[in-house]
Protein backbone atom coordinates (compact mmCIF):
# COMPACT_ATOMS: atom_id res chain seq x y z
CA MET A 1 58.71 91.66 130.99
CA ASN A 2 62.45 91.13 130.92
CA GLN A 3 63.97 89.74 127.72
CA GLN A 4 67.46 88.42 127.37
CA GLY A 5 69.86 91.03 126.01
CA MET A 6 67.54 94.01 126.90
CA GLN A 7 67.46 96.38 129.83
CA THR A 8 64.54 95.97 132.28
CA PRO A 9 61.54 98.35 131.96
CA HIS A 10 62.39 99.94 135.29
CA SER A 11 65.96 100.77 134.23
CA ILE A 12 64.78 102.22 130.96
CA LEU A 13 62.14 104.34 132.61
CA ARG A 14 64.61 105.51 135.25
CA GLU A 15 67.02 106.73 132.51
CA LEU A 16 64.18 108.58 130.64
CA PHE A 17 62.56 110.12 133.73
CA PRO A 18 65.24 110.75 136.41
CA GLY A 19 62.96 113.25 138.19
CA ILE A 20 60.17 110.75 138.89
CA THR A 21 60.38 108.55 142.02
CA ASP A 22 60.86 104.80 141.85
CA GLN A 23 57.52 104.43 143.66
CA ARG A 24 55.60 106.22 140.83
CA ILE A 25 57.54 104.29 138.16
CA ASN A 26 56.57 101.00 139.88
CA GLU A 27 52.87 102.15 140.03
CA ILE A 28 52.91 102.78 136.31
CA MET A 29 54.49 99.34 135.63
CA VAL A 30 51.90 97.58 137.74
CA LEU A 31 49.11 99.55 136.06
CA VAL A 32 50.18 98.74 132.50
CA GLU A 33 50.75 95.08 133.34
CA GLU A 34 47.23 94.76 134.76
CA ASP A 35 45.47 96.52 131.92
CA ASN A 36 47.49 94.96 129.06
CA PRO A 37 48.69 91.55 130.24
CA GLY A 38 48.86 90.15 126.71
CA ASP A 39 50.61 93.03 125.09
CA SER A 40 54.24 92.75 123.80
CA PHE A 41 57.24 94.04 125.74
CA GLU A 42 57.58 96.99 123.39
CA GLY A 43 53.86 97.87 123.55
CA LYS A 44 53.83 97.83 127.35
CA LEU A 45 57.02 99.94 127.39
CA GLU A 46 55.46 102.50 125.04
CA ASN A 47 52.37 102.76 127.25
CA MET A 48 54.51 103.28 130.29
CA ILE A 49 56.55 106.00 128.67
CA ILE A 50 53.43 107.86 127.42
CA LEU A 51 51.79 107.75 130.81
CA LEU A 52 54.87 109.04 132.64
CA ALA A 53 55.45 111.71 129.96
CA ASP A 54 51.86 113.06 130.08
CA GLU A 55 51.09 112.42 133.75
CA GLY A 56 48.20 114.68 134.86
CA ALA A 57 47.07 115.61 131.33
CA TRP A 58 43.99 113.32 131.43
CA GLY A 59 41.91 115.35 133.87
CA GLY A 60 42.12 112.91 136.73
CA PRO A 61 44.42 110.78 138.81
CA ILE A 62 46.77 108.65 136.87
CA SER A 63 45.37 105.50 138.52
CA ASP A 64 41.98 106.21 136.82
CA PHE A 65 43.33 106.03 133.30
CA HIS A 66 43.39 102.64 131.55
CA TYR A 67 45.08 103.17 128.17
CA GLY A 68 44.41 99.68 126.87
CA ASN A 69 40.66 99.65 127.62
CA SER A 70 39.81 103.35 127.22
CA SER A 71 38.02 104.61 124.13
CA SER A 72 40.08 107.77 124.42
CA GLN A 73 43.04 108.22 122.10
CA PRO A 74 46.38 109.68 123.03
CA PRO A 75 47.09 113.11 121.75
CA PRO A 76 48.62 113.35 118.26
CA VAL A 77 52.34 113.00 118.13
CA ASP A 78 53.03 116.41 116.77
CA ASN A 79 55.31 118.19 119.24
CA ASP A 80 59.09 118.13 119.81
CA SER A 81 58.86 116.45 123.19
CA GLN A 82 57.11 113.44 121.72
CA LEU A 83 59.56 113.39 118.82
CA ASN A 84 62.41 113.24 121.30
CA LEU A 85 60.65 110.58 123.33
CA HIS A 86 60.26 108.26 120.31
CA TYR A 87 63.79 108.79 119.27
CA GLU A 88 65.05 107.92 122.79
CA GLN A 89 62.82 104.77 122.65
CA LEU A 90 64.46 103.57 119.51
CA CYS A 91 67.98 104.42 120.72
CA LEU A 92 67.42 102.23 123.80
CA ILE A 93 66.09 99.30 121.85
CA PHE A 94 68.54 99.51 118.89
CA GLU A 95 71.73 100.46 120.58
CA ASP A 96 73.91 99.81 117.48
CA ALA A 97 71.77 101.88 115.10
CA CYS A 98 72.99 105.08 113.54
CA PRO A 99 71.55 108.08 115.56
CA ASP A 100 70.96 110.12 112.36
CA PHE A 101 69.04 107.23 110.86
CA LEU A 102 66.75 106.91 113.91
CA TRP A 103 66.13 110.65 114.15
CA GLN A 104 65.22 110.78 110.46
CA TYR A 105 62.82 107.85 110.87
CA CYS A 106 61.11 109.55 113.83
CA LYS A 107 60.67 112.80 111.90
CA GLU A 108 59.22 111.05 108.89
CA ASN A 109 56.72 109.11 111.06
CA ARG A 110 56.03 111.74 113.70
CA LEU A 111 52.29 111.80 113.03
CA ASN A 112 51.63 108.07 113.02
CA PHE A 113 54.61 106.71 115.02
CA ASP A 114 54.15 103.17 116.36
CA ILE A 115 57.01 101.58 118.27
CA GLU A 116 55.94 98.03 117.36
CA VAL A 117 55.71 98.92 113.67
CA ALA A 118 59.18 100.46 113.84
CA ILE A 119 60.60 97.35 115.49
CA ASP A 120 59.01 95.06 112.90
CA GLU A 121 60.31 97.25 110.02
CA PHE A 122 63.77 97.36 111.47
CA ASN A 123 63.89 93.60 112.00
CA GLU A 124 62.54 92.80 108.55
CA ARG A 125 64.25 95.36 106.43
CA GLY A 126 67.29 96.15 108.58
CA TYR A 127 68.60 99.55 109.63
CA LYS A 128 71.67 101.66 109.27
CA LYS A 129 74.17 100.84 111.97
CA ILE A 130 76.81 102.93 113.60
CA GLU A 131 79.82 103.19 111.36
CA ILE A 132 82.92 102.53 113.47
CA ASP A 133 86.27 103.67 112.15
CA PRO A 134 88.59 100.58 111.92
CA LEU A 135 91.47 102.87 112.82
CA THR A 136 89.77 103.60 116.23
CA ILE A 137 89.45 99.87 116.95
CA TRP A 138 92.97 99.27 115.81
CA GLU A 139 94.24 101.85 118.29
CA GLN A 140 92.23 100.16 121.08
CA LEU A 141 93.63 96.76 120.16
CA ARG A 142 97.15 98.21 119.99
CA ASP A 143 96.81 99.73 123.46
CA ALA A 144 95.42 96.50 124.93
CA LEU A 145 97.96 94.20 123.17
CA PRO A 146 101.13 96.29 122.77
CA ASP A 147 103.28 93.18 122.02
CA ALA A 148 101.03 91.96 119.18
CA ASP A 149 101.71 92.01 115.46
CA PRO A 150 100.25 95.39 114.24
CA ALA A 151 99.39 93.95 110.88
CA TYR A 152 97.41 91.13 112.61
CA LEU A 153 95.62 93.76 114.80
CA LYS A 154 94.81 95.88 111.75
CA THR A 155 93.25 92.93 109.91
CA ASN A 156 91.12 92.10 112.95
CA ALA A 157 90.13 95.73 113.41
CA ASN A 158 88.72 95.83 109.91
CA ASN A 159 86.66 92.76 110.65
CA LEU A 160 85.51 93.94 114.08
CA ALA A 161 84.35 97.32 112.68
CA ARG A 162 81.61 95.41 110.91
CA LEU A 163 80.53 93.38 113.94
CA PRO A 164 78.52 94.28 117.10
CA PRO A 165 80.61 96.11 119.81
CA GLN A 166 80.59 93.09 122.13
CA GLU A 167 82.66 91.16 119.63
CA LEU A 168 85.62 93.49 120.36
CA ASN A 169 85.44 92.56 124.04
CA LYS A 170 85.30 88.90 123.18
CA PHE A 171 88.26 89.14 120.89
CA LEU A 172 90.38 90.95 123.53
CA GLN A 173 89.43 88.51 126.31
CA ASN A 174 90.28 85.54 124.17
CA ALA A 175 93.62 87.09 123.15
CA ILE A 176 94.52 87.92 126.76
CA ASP A 177 93.49 84.40 128.03
CA LYS A 178 95.15 82.28 125.37
CA VAL A 179 98.03 84.54 124.24
CA ASP A 180 97.93 82.87 120.84
CA TYR A 181 98.33 85.98 118.70
CA PRO A 182 101.43 86.69 116.59
CA THR A 183 103.80 89.01 118.39
CA MET A 184 105.59 92.21 117.54
CA GLN A 185 108.83 90.23 117.47
CA ASP A 186 107.36 87.92 114.79
CA TYR A 187 106.25 90.96 112.86
CA LEU A 188 109.63 92.71 112.97
CA LYS A 189 111.41 89.46 112.02
CA GLN A 190 109.06 89.01 109.07
CA LYS A 191 109.37 92.62 108.11
CA LYS A 192 113.13 92.32 108.14
CA GLU A 193 112.99 89.26 105.91
CA ASN A 194 110.53 91.00 103.53
CA ASP A 195 112.78 94.11 103.33
CA GLU A 196 115.75 91.92 102.51
CA LEU A 197 113.77 90.07 99.82
CA ALA A 198 112.41 93.28 98.41
CA ILE A 199 115.94 94.44 97.48
CA TYR A 200 116.01 91.71 94.82
CA LYS A 201 112.35 91.91 93.76
CA THR A 202 112.24 95.69 93.06
CA PRO A 203 114.03 97.63 90.30
CA PHE A 204 117.78 96.90 90.42
CA ASN A 205 120.02 99.33 92.26
CA VAL A 206 123.75 98.82 91.42
CA GLU A 207 125.13 100.79 94.33
CA LYS A 208 122.89 99.04 96.89
CA PHE A 209 123.74 95.60 95.47
CA LEU A 210 127.50 96.21 95.64
CA GLU A 211 127.13 97.61 99.20
CA ILE A 212 125.60 94.23 100.24
CA ILE A 213 127.98 92.09 98.13
CA PRO A 214 131.15 94.06 97.52
CA ASN A 215 133.23 91.07 96.34
CA LEU A 216 131.36 89.75 93.33
CA MET A 217 134.08 87.39 92.15
CA GLU A 218 134.56 85.69 95.55
CA THR A 219 130.81 85.42 96.03
CA PHE A 220 129.67 84.11 92.65
CA SER A 221 132.69 82.80 90.70
CA ASP A 222 134.67 80.89 93.34
CA PRO A 223 134.37 77.13 92.59
CA GLN A 224 134.48 76.40 96.38
CA ARG A 225 131.60 78.68 97.21
CA LYS A 226 128.41 77.34 98.72
CA LYS A 227 125.90 76.74 95.95
CA CYS A 228 122.42 78.28 96.21
CA LEU A 229 120.78 75.12 94.70
CA ASP A 230 121.49 71.50 95.59
CA GLU A 231 119.77 68.16 95.93
CA ASN A 232 117.70 69.46 98.93
CA SER A 233 116.42 72.52 97.10
CA THR A 234 112.62 72.97 97.11
CA ASP A 235 110.48 72.64 93.95
CA SER A 236 109.66 76.36 94.11
CA ASP A 237 113.39 77.26 94.06
CA ILE A 238 114.06 74.97 91.08
CA LYS A 239 111.04 76.43 89.24
CA TYR A 240 112.28 79.97 89.86
CA ALA A 241 115.74 79.14 88.59
CA MET A 242 114.43 77.33 85.48
CA THR A 243 111.97 80.14 84.71
CA PHE A 244 114.86 82.61 84.85
CA LEU A 245 116.98 80.49 82.44
CA TYR A 246 114.09 80.00 80.01
CA ASN A 247 113.32 83.76 79.94
CA GLN A 248 117.00 84.87 79.88
CA TYR A 249 117.87 82.53 77.04
CA SER A 250 114.74 82.60 74.98
CA PHE A 251 116.47 81.62 71.76
CA ILE A 252 117.82 78.36 73.12
CA ARG A 253 115.67 75.24 73.30
CA LYS A 254 114.40 74.18 76.71
CA LYS A 255 115.77 70.65 76.40
CA TYR A 256 119.31 72.04 75.99
CA ILE A 257 118.90 74.22 79.03
CA ASP A 258 117.48 71.29 81.01
CA GLN A 259 120.37 69.03 80.07
CA LEU A 260 122.94 71.64 80.89
CA PHE A 261 121.30 72.47 84.21
CA ALA A 262 121.39 68.76 85.25
CA TRP A 263 124.88 68.22 83.95
CA ARG A 264 126.37 71.22 85.85
CA LYS A 265 124.51 70.19 89.05
CA LYS A 266 122.30 73.21 89.26
CA ASP A 267 125.24 75.66 89.31
CA LEU A 268 123.53 78.67 87.72
CA VAL A 269 126.65 80.76 87.18
CA GLU A 270 128.35 78.00 85.28
CA VAL A 271 125.19 77.11 83.37
CA CYS A 272 124.85 80.80 82.26
CA GLU A 273 128.53 81.02 81.22
CA ARG A 274 128.06 77.96 78.98
CA LEU A 275 124.72 79.21 77.60
CA ASP A 276 126.35 82.51 76.71
CA LYS A 277 128.66 80.62 74.33
CA MET A 278 125.95 78.57 72.66
CA ARG A 279 124.45 79.48 69.34
CA LYS A 280 120.80 80.31 68.97
CA SER A 281 118.68 77.23 68.22
CA LEU A 282 115.37 79.07 67.66
CA ARG A 283 114.55 81.63 64.98
CA ARG A 284 112.08 83.43 67.19
CA PRO A 285 112.28 84.01 70.95
CA ARG A 286 110.19 81.78 73.15
CA PRO A 287 107.21 83.56 74.81
CA ARG A 288 108.21 84.77 78.31
CA LEU A 289 107.01 82.71 81.24
CA GLU A 290 105.38 84.17 84.29
CA VAL A 291 108.16 84.74 86.86
CA ALA A 292 107.89 82.29 89.78
CA ASP A 293 108.45 83.31 93.34
CA THR A 294 110.99 82.27 95.96
CA ASN A 295 112.17 83.38 99.37
CA ASN A 296 115.65 81.90 99.00
CA VAL A 297 117.91 84.99 99.46
CA ALA A 298 121.05 83.28 98.10
CA LEU A 299 119.17 82.25 94.95
CA LEU A 300 117.73 85.81 94.49
CA GLN A 301 121.17 87.31 94.88
CA GLU A 302 122.68 84.97 92.27
CA VAL A 303 119.91 85.48 89.77
CA THR A 304 120.12 89.32 90.27
CA TYR A 305 123.83 89.15 89.67
CA LEU A 306 123.41 87.07 86.48
CA LYS A 307 120.74 89.38 85.13
CA ASN A 308 122.88 92.50 85.73
CA ARG A 309 126.43 91.23 85.24
CA ARG A 310 127.29 93.74 82.51
CA ALA A 311 126.05 96.77 84.54
CA LEU A 312 127.89 95.62 87.67
CA LYS A 313 131.17 95.05 85.77
CA ASN A 314 130.90 98.49 84.19
CA VAL A 315 130.43 100.13 87.56
CA LEU A 316 133.37 98.22 89.03
CA LYS A 317 135.51 99.07 86.04
CA LEU A 318 134.59 102.72 86.44
CA ARG A 319 135.42 102.61 90.17
CA ASP A 320 138.81 101.00 89.35
CA GLU A 321 139.47 103.82 86.81
CA HIS A 322 138.55 106.49 89.36
CA TYR A 323 140.69 104.77 91.94
CA ARG A 324 143.69 104.56 89.52
CA LEU A 325 143.40 108.22 88.65
CA ALA A 326 143.13 109.17 92.33
CA LYS A 327 146.24 107.16 93.23
CA GLU A 328 148.19 108.67 90.34
CA GLU A 329 147.26 112.14 91.54
CA ALA A 330 148.15 111.32 95.18
CA ARG A 331 151.50 109.93 94.11
CA LYS A 332 152.13 113.02 91.93
CA TYR A 333 151.59 115.35 94.93
CA ASN A 334 153.20 113.03 97.46
CA LEU A 335 149.93 112.38 99.33
CA LEU A 336 150.09 108.58 99.66
CA GLU A 337 149.88 107.34 103.25
CA SER A 338 150.94 104.19 105.08
CA CYS A 339 148.76 101.86 107.28
CA GLY A 340 150.20 101.48 110.79
CA CYS A 341 148.85 97.91 110.96
CA CYS A 342 149.33 96.12 107.65
CA PHE A 343 151.97 98.58 106.42
CA ASP A 344 150.39 99.17 103.03
CA GLU A 345 152.31 102.22 101.81
CA GLU A 346 150.10 103.26 98.93
CA LEU A 347 146.93 104.43 100.60
CA ILE A 348 145.12 107.39 99.09
CA PRO A 349 143.73 109.88 101.61
CA GLU A 350 140.14 108.59 101.15
CA GLU A 351 141.30 105.11 102.36
CA CYS A 352 142.79 106.36 105.66
CA TYR A 353 141.12 106.31 109.09
CA CYS A 354 142.71 107.67 112.23
CA CYS A 355 142.48 107.26 115.96
CA MET A 356 141.80 110.39 117.98
CA LYS A 357 145.55 111.13 118.21
CA GLY A 358 146.07 110.82 114.47
CA CYS A 359 147.52 107.27 114.05
CA MET A 360 146.64 106.23 110.55
CA PHE A 361 145.23 102.89 109.35
CA CYS A 362 143.44 101.49 106.37
CA LYS A 363 139.67 100.76 106.41
CA GLU A 364 140.14 97.06 106.28
CA CYS A 365 142.37 96.97 109.34
CA VAL A 366 140.13 99.19 111.39
CA ARG A 367 137.04 97.20 110.42
CA THR A 368 138.66 93.79 111.18
CA GLY A 369 140.10 95.00 114.48
CA ALA A 370 136.80 96.52 115.60
CA GLU A 371 134.81 93.38 114.68
CA ALA A 372 137.30 91.27 116.66
CA ILE A 373 136.80 93.49 119.76
CA VAL A 374 133.01 93.25 119.45
CA GLY A 375 133.31 89.47 119.06
CA ASN A 376 135.04 89.37 122.44
CA ALA A 377 132.11 91.27 124.04
CA GLN A 378 134.28 94.43 124.55
CA PHE A 379 133.22 97.84 123.53
CA LYS A 380 136.34 99.98 123.91
CA PHE A 381 138.35 100.37 120.72
CA PRO A 382 142.01 101.36 121.52
CA CYS A 383 144.44 102.41 118.92
CA PHE A 384 146.44 99.58 117.38
CA ASN A 385 149.62 101.49 117.91
CA LYS A 386 148.96 101.58 121.68
CA CYS A 387 149.11 105.37 121.83
CA ASP A 388 146.63 105.50 124.78
CA SER A 389 143.94 106.78 122.39
CA GLU A 390 141.01 105.09 120.72
CA PHE A 391 138.79 105.17 117.65
CA SER A 392 135.81 107.62 117.73
CA LEU A 393 132.26 106.45 117.07
CA HIS A 394 132.26 108.53 113.94
CA THR A 395 135.28 106.64 112.57
CA LEU A 396 133.65 103.30 113.48
CA GLN A 397 130.40 104.30 111.81
CA MET A 398 132.33 104.87 108.54
CA VAL A 399 134.06 101.50 108.51
CA LEU A 400 131.61 99.10 110.15
CA PRO A 401 128.41 97.52 108.81
CA ARG A 402 125.35 99.34 110.14
CA LYS A 403 124.10 96.41 112.16
CA THR A 404 127.42 96.06 114.00
CA PHE A 405 127.67 99.77 114.65
CA ASP A 406 124.15 99.89 116.05
CA ARG A 407 124.93 97.12 118.51
CA ILE A 408 128.02 99.08 119.68
CA VAL A 409 126.03 102.31 120.20
CA GLN A 410 123.35 100.46 122.16
CA LYS A 411 125.91 98.72 124.32
CA ILE A 412 127.76 101.94 125.11
CA ALA A 413 124.56 103.72 125.93
CA SER A 414 123.47 100.95 128.31
CA GLU A 415 126.83 101.04 130.11
CA ASP A 416 126.69 104.83 130.49
CA ILE A 417 123.17 104.56 132.02
CA ARG A 418 124.39 101.90 134.47
CA ARG A 419 127.33 104.01 135.55
CA ALA A 420 124.91 106.92 136.20
CA ASN A 421 123.38 104.81 139.03
CA VAL A 422 119.85 105.96 138.20
CA ASP A 423 117.17 104.86 140.75
CA GLY A 424 114.83 102.29 139.36
CA LEU A 425 117.11 101.36 136.42
CA GLU A 426 116.30 97.92 135.14
CA THR A 427 118.01 95.95 132.34
CA CYS A 428 116.51 93.43 130.00
CA PRO A 429 117.67 89.81 130.85
CA PHE A 430 117.81 88.99 127.16
CA CYS A 431 119.74 91.92 125.73
CA ASP A 432 121.63 95.08 126.88
CA PHE A 433 118.69 97.44 126.81
CA ALA A 434 118.03 99.41 130.04
CA MET A 435 115.27 101.79 131.17
CA VAL A 436 113.76 103.13 134.37
CA LEU A 437 110.50 101.51 135.51
CA PRO A 438 108.08 102.42 138.34
CA ASP A 439 108.14 100.18 141.41
CA ASN A 440 104.67 98.81 140.82
CA GLU A 441 105.51 97.60 137.29
CA LYS A 442 106.07 93.84 137.42
CA ILE A 443 106.88 93.21 133.76
CA PHE A 444 109.90 94.56 131.85
CA LYS A 445 108.75 95.26 128.29
CA CYS A 446 111.87 95.60 126.22
CA ILE A 447 111.54 98.03 123.30
CA ASN A 448 114.83 97.03 121.66
CA GLN A 449 113.69 96.18 118.11
CA GLU A 450 115.86 93.12 117.96
CA CYS A 451 114.52 91.77 121.33
CA LEU A 452 110.98 92.93 122.34
CA ILE A 453 110.77 90.24 124.94
CA GLU A 454 108.56 90.77 128.02
CA SER A 455 110.22 89.47 131.19
CA CYS A 456 109.38 89.12 134.88
CA ARG A 457 111.32 91.65 136.97
CA THR A 458 111.37 89.19 139.92
CA CYS A 459 112.71 86.01 138.43
CA ARG A 460 114.12 87.56 135.22
CA HIS A 461 112.62 84.91 132.97
CA LYS A 462 110.08 85.47 130.22
CA SER A 463 106.78 86.87 131.42
CA HIS A 464 104.57 84.13 132.96
CA ILE A 465 101.43 86.15 133.84
CA PRO A 466 99.04 85.09 135.35
CA LEU A 467 101.17 82.47 137.06
CA ARG A 468 103.46 83.43 140.01
CA CYS A 469 107.19 82.86 139.88
CA ASN A 470 106.99 79.84 142.16
CA GLU A 471 104.46 78.20 139.86
CA ILE A 472 106.81 78.13 136.90
CA GLU A 473 109.30 75.34 136.22
CA TYR A 474 112.41 76.41 134.30
CA ASP A 475 115.10 74.31 132.69
CA GLU A 476 117.25 74.09 135.84
CA ASP A 477 114.22 73.13 137.90
CA VAL A 478 113.28 70.44 135.42
CA ARG A 479 116.87 69.03 135.51
CA ARG A 480 116.86 68.84 139.31
CA ARG A 481 113.38 67.28 139.48
CA THR A 482 114.10 64.66 136.78
CA TYR A 483 117.38 63.81 138.47
CA ILE A 484 115.63 63.08 141.79
CA GLU A 485 112.84 61.17 139.96
CA ASN A 486 115.41 58.98 138.18
CA LYS A 487 117.19 58.19 141.47
CA MET A 488 113.88 57.34 143.11
CA THR A 489 113.08 54.98 140.19
CA GLU A 490 116.44 53.31 140.52
CA ALA A 491 115.80 52.74 144.20
CA LEU A 492 112.45 51.23 143.48
CA THR A 493 113.58 48.72 140.86
CA ARG A 494 115.60 45.51 141.49
CA THR A 495 118.34 44.20 139.19
CA CYS A 496 118.91 40.58 138.32
CA TYR A 497 122.43 39.47 139.47
CA ASN A 498 122.74 37.26 136.42
CA CYS A 499 121.44 39.25 133.36
CA ALA A 500 121.17 42.76 134.88
CA LYS A 501 117.52 43.03 133.85
CA LYS A 502 115.52 45.47 136.02
CA PHE A 503 112.17 44.57 137.40
CA ILE A 504 109.53 45.39 140.04
CA LYS A 505 107.30 42.92 141.91
CA SER A 506 103.57 43.43 141.59
CA SER A 507 102.40 40.68 143.88
CA GLY A 508 103.41 37.34 145.46
CA CYS A 509 106.16 36.12 147.66
CA ASN A 510 109.73 37.51 147.94
CA LYS A 511 111.28 34.52 146.05
CA MET A 512 111.71 36.01 142.50
CA VAL A 513 112.51 34.11 139.30
CA CYS A 514 113.93 36.15 136.44
CA VAL A 515 113.22 35.46 132.84
CA CYS A 516 116.77 34.25 132.54
CA GLY A 517 116.10 31.60 135.22
CA ALA A 518 118.09 33.18 138.05
CA LYS A 519 116.38 33.11 141.53
CA MET A 520 116.80 35.88 144.12
CA CYS A 521 115.29 37.44 147.16
CA TYR A 522 113.20 40.53 146.37
CA GLN A 523 113.94 42.09 149.77
CA CYS A 524 117.77 41.85 150.06
CA GLY A 525 118.70 40.89 146.46
CA ALA A 526 120.69 37.77 147.44
CA ALA A 527 120.79 34.78 145.07
CA VAL A 528 118.64 31.82 146.38
CA SER A 529 118.03 28.27 145.19
CA ASP A 530 115.04 27.34 147.35
CA TYR A 531 112.92 28.63 150.28
CA ARG A 532 115.63 27.97 153.00
CA HIS A 533 116.62 31.65 152.70
CA PHE A 534 113.31 32.72 154.13
CA GLY A 535 112.20 32.12 157.77
CA SER A 536 112.73 33.23 161.24
CA GLY A 537 115.71 35.61 161.61
CA LYS A 538 115.94 35.85 157.84
CA CYS A 539 114.07 37.69 155.10
CA PRO A 540 110.35 37.11 155.29
CA LEU A 541 108.72 35.09 152.53
CA HIS A 542 105.81 37.57 152.45
CA SER A 543 106.05 41.34 153.22
CA ASN A 544 104.14 44.53 152.86
CA ASP A 545 105.52 45.63 149.44
CA ALA A 546 104.07 49.13 149.59
CA GLU A 547 105.90 49.96 152.83
CA ILE A 548 109.18 48.55 151.50
CA ASP A 549 108.97 50.38 148.21
CA LEU A 550 107.99 53.64 149.94
CA ARG A 551 111.06 53.34 152.17
CA ARG A 552 113.46 52.67 149.34
CA VAL A 553 111.97 55.44 147.17
CA LEU A 554 112.30 58.01 149.92
CA GLU A 555 115.84 56.94 150.65
CA GLY A 556 116.71 57.28 146.91
CA GLY A 557 115.15 60.76 146.81
CA THR A 558 116.99 61.85 149.93
CA ARG A 559 120.31 60.72 148.58
CA ALA A 560 119.66 62.47 145.17
CA LYS A 561 118.94 65.83 147.00
CA GLN A 562 122.12 65.43 149.02
CA GLU A 563 124.06 64.91 145.83
CA LEU A 564 122.54 68.08 144.26
CA GLY A 565 123.73 70.06 147.24
CA ASP A 566 122.24 73.20 148.74
CA VAL A 567 119.93 74.20 145.90
CA GLN A 568 116.21 74.98 145.80
CA ILE A 569 113.99 72.12 144.66
CA LYS A 570 110.88 73.97 143.34
CA PHE A 571 108.81 70.83 142.68
CA ASP A 572 110.08 68.11 145.06
CA PRO A 573 108.86 64.69 143.81
CA THR A 574 109.20 63.21 147.30
CA VAL A 575 106.55 65.53 148.74
CA ASN A 576 103.32 63.65 149.57
CA ILE A 577 104.50 60.47 147.91
CA GLU A 578 103.30 58.59 151.01
CA ASP A 579 99.71 59.21 149.88
CA PHE A 580 100.36 57.29 146.68
CA TYR A 581 101.65 54.08 148.38
CA ARG A 582 99.14 54.22 151.21
CA ALA A 583 96.10 54.88 149.06
């Protein structure tokens, strides 16, 4: 009766008829088996359900009724209880079917319902399955794999929504066992790169470009600058650059552009400056080529600059004009200030930044000084005039790049939390992030967007679940183990006194002959000319090489551990080495 992947008849009947005893259910099962031995699983199950549902309706004991052999017919399926019964049958057999679909099928076939016919129809024609919202599966995946790439989880959620429910469990089990999925850290890194690339692939924004590259002349016109294209550039980068040149200078023949590009060694800025001076060689513009793609940020920046040189120069010129007028007005009203660090005496008020006691400095000095302090791993910013004051976070936010300022804020917040001496406070071993964890939490899951590393709270290394700390070998453990192994190998090998070649004896007597012709004793290493070195009171001609090698190897390992000092050897290569030599 039992078929793989289905519930047993007893369990199905127990769910449908919780008020009937197990003994009565077993009686019905035996009865149907005896009367209909050749019937299908679904047919027998239907008979059992009908008998249990209408027990006592046949005018005699249930044991006297033989459905399969009786000429009597069951009552017509025309009441709500039978409709519900058939619906429950189909729900148990087709667990992934849409409930509304099954209910509608039962209503349409209520007068001539046949479970076997329904099963055949569903298997041949198919049936409407439960529609699972991919968002629901994505949320389940995100809860089970919080450190996984959300885009990767979303793609798999869309696929799993169209598969049987057990596929979700298989996917999760495989991901947990192998841990081969892209991580949140990978996702954030890729997102950061994509966001950076998008700046140069979306409509041009002058202010944003100048915020990223404020010094255009130094960045793009300095002959000593690092070129974005060289001999090692990829084909895709070269194609992107050439497509830009062909489209930008559509009235100049390609061969002239190619010659100039090769002659100026792929320096796009210089190539464009020379092309700007060339006369048109075509009467009609060349058809535009489809723009190639590249992820070379330096190349994208240079091409963006070359495309928008005029707009950038106009903005800079306008800024210079505004600055000139502002300085004239400040000079007229005696508002010019002096920097207390570089002593520039012509600062307009907008260029001045003060410590909390009012000492005044220019933006460049405050920025340079603050970055130097951060570079020294310090996060207090005293006034440059040593007035016992310091710069406020608000001032630092106005002069520093956003990334640098965010690091400062995070570091200061972490230090404040540590000083608060909060119970259960734990810090990430790989960054400055700190948070309170419950005692039973073994893994520290850092939520710093630039870190996101999961670490073991016991050994403070990257998470090694399901292995224990003493089952993991880290860099320092490897160095200690390999040092001992090397010393044991040195103790095992012999060195020729003549040519310094190392060797190990595999068999034979203790009189060794090197490939250089030198003869020596394998046991003591002394040079010999014949067999007179071996005998009574001297080195034996034959010996138990395994015992000798074991003794030398153990002595070498012991000396190596003494040289390492009082340190833990997690995986000691001398342990159980006797088993190897005595096997």
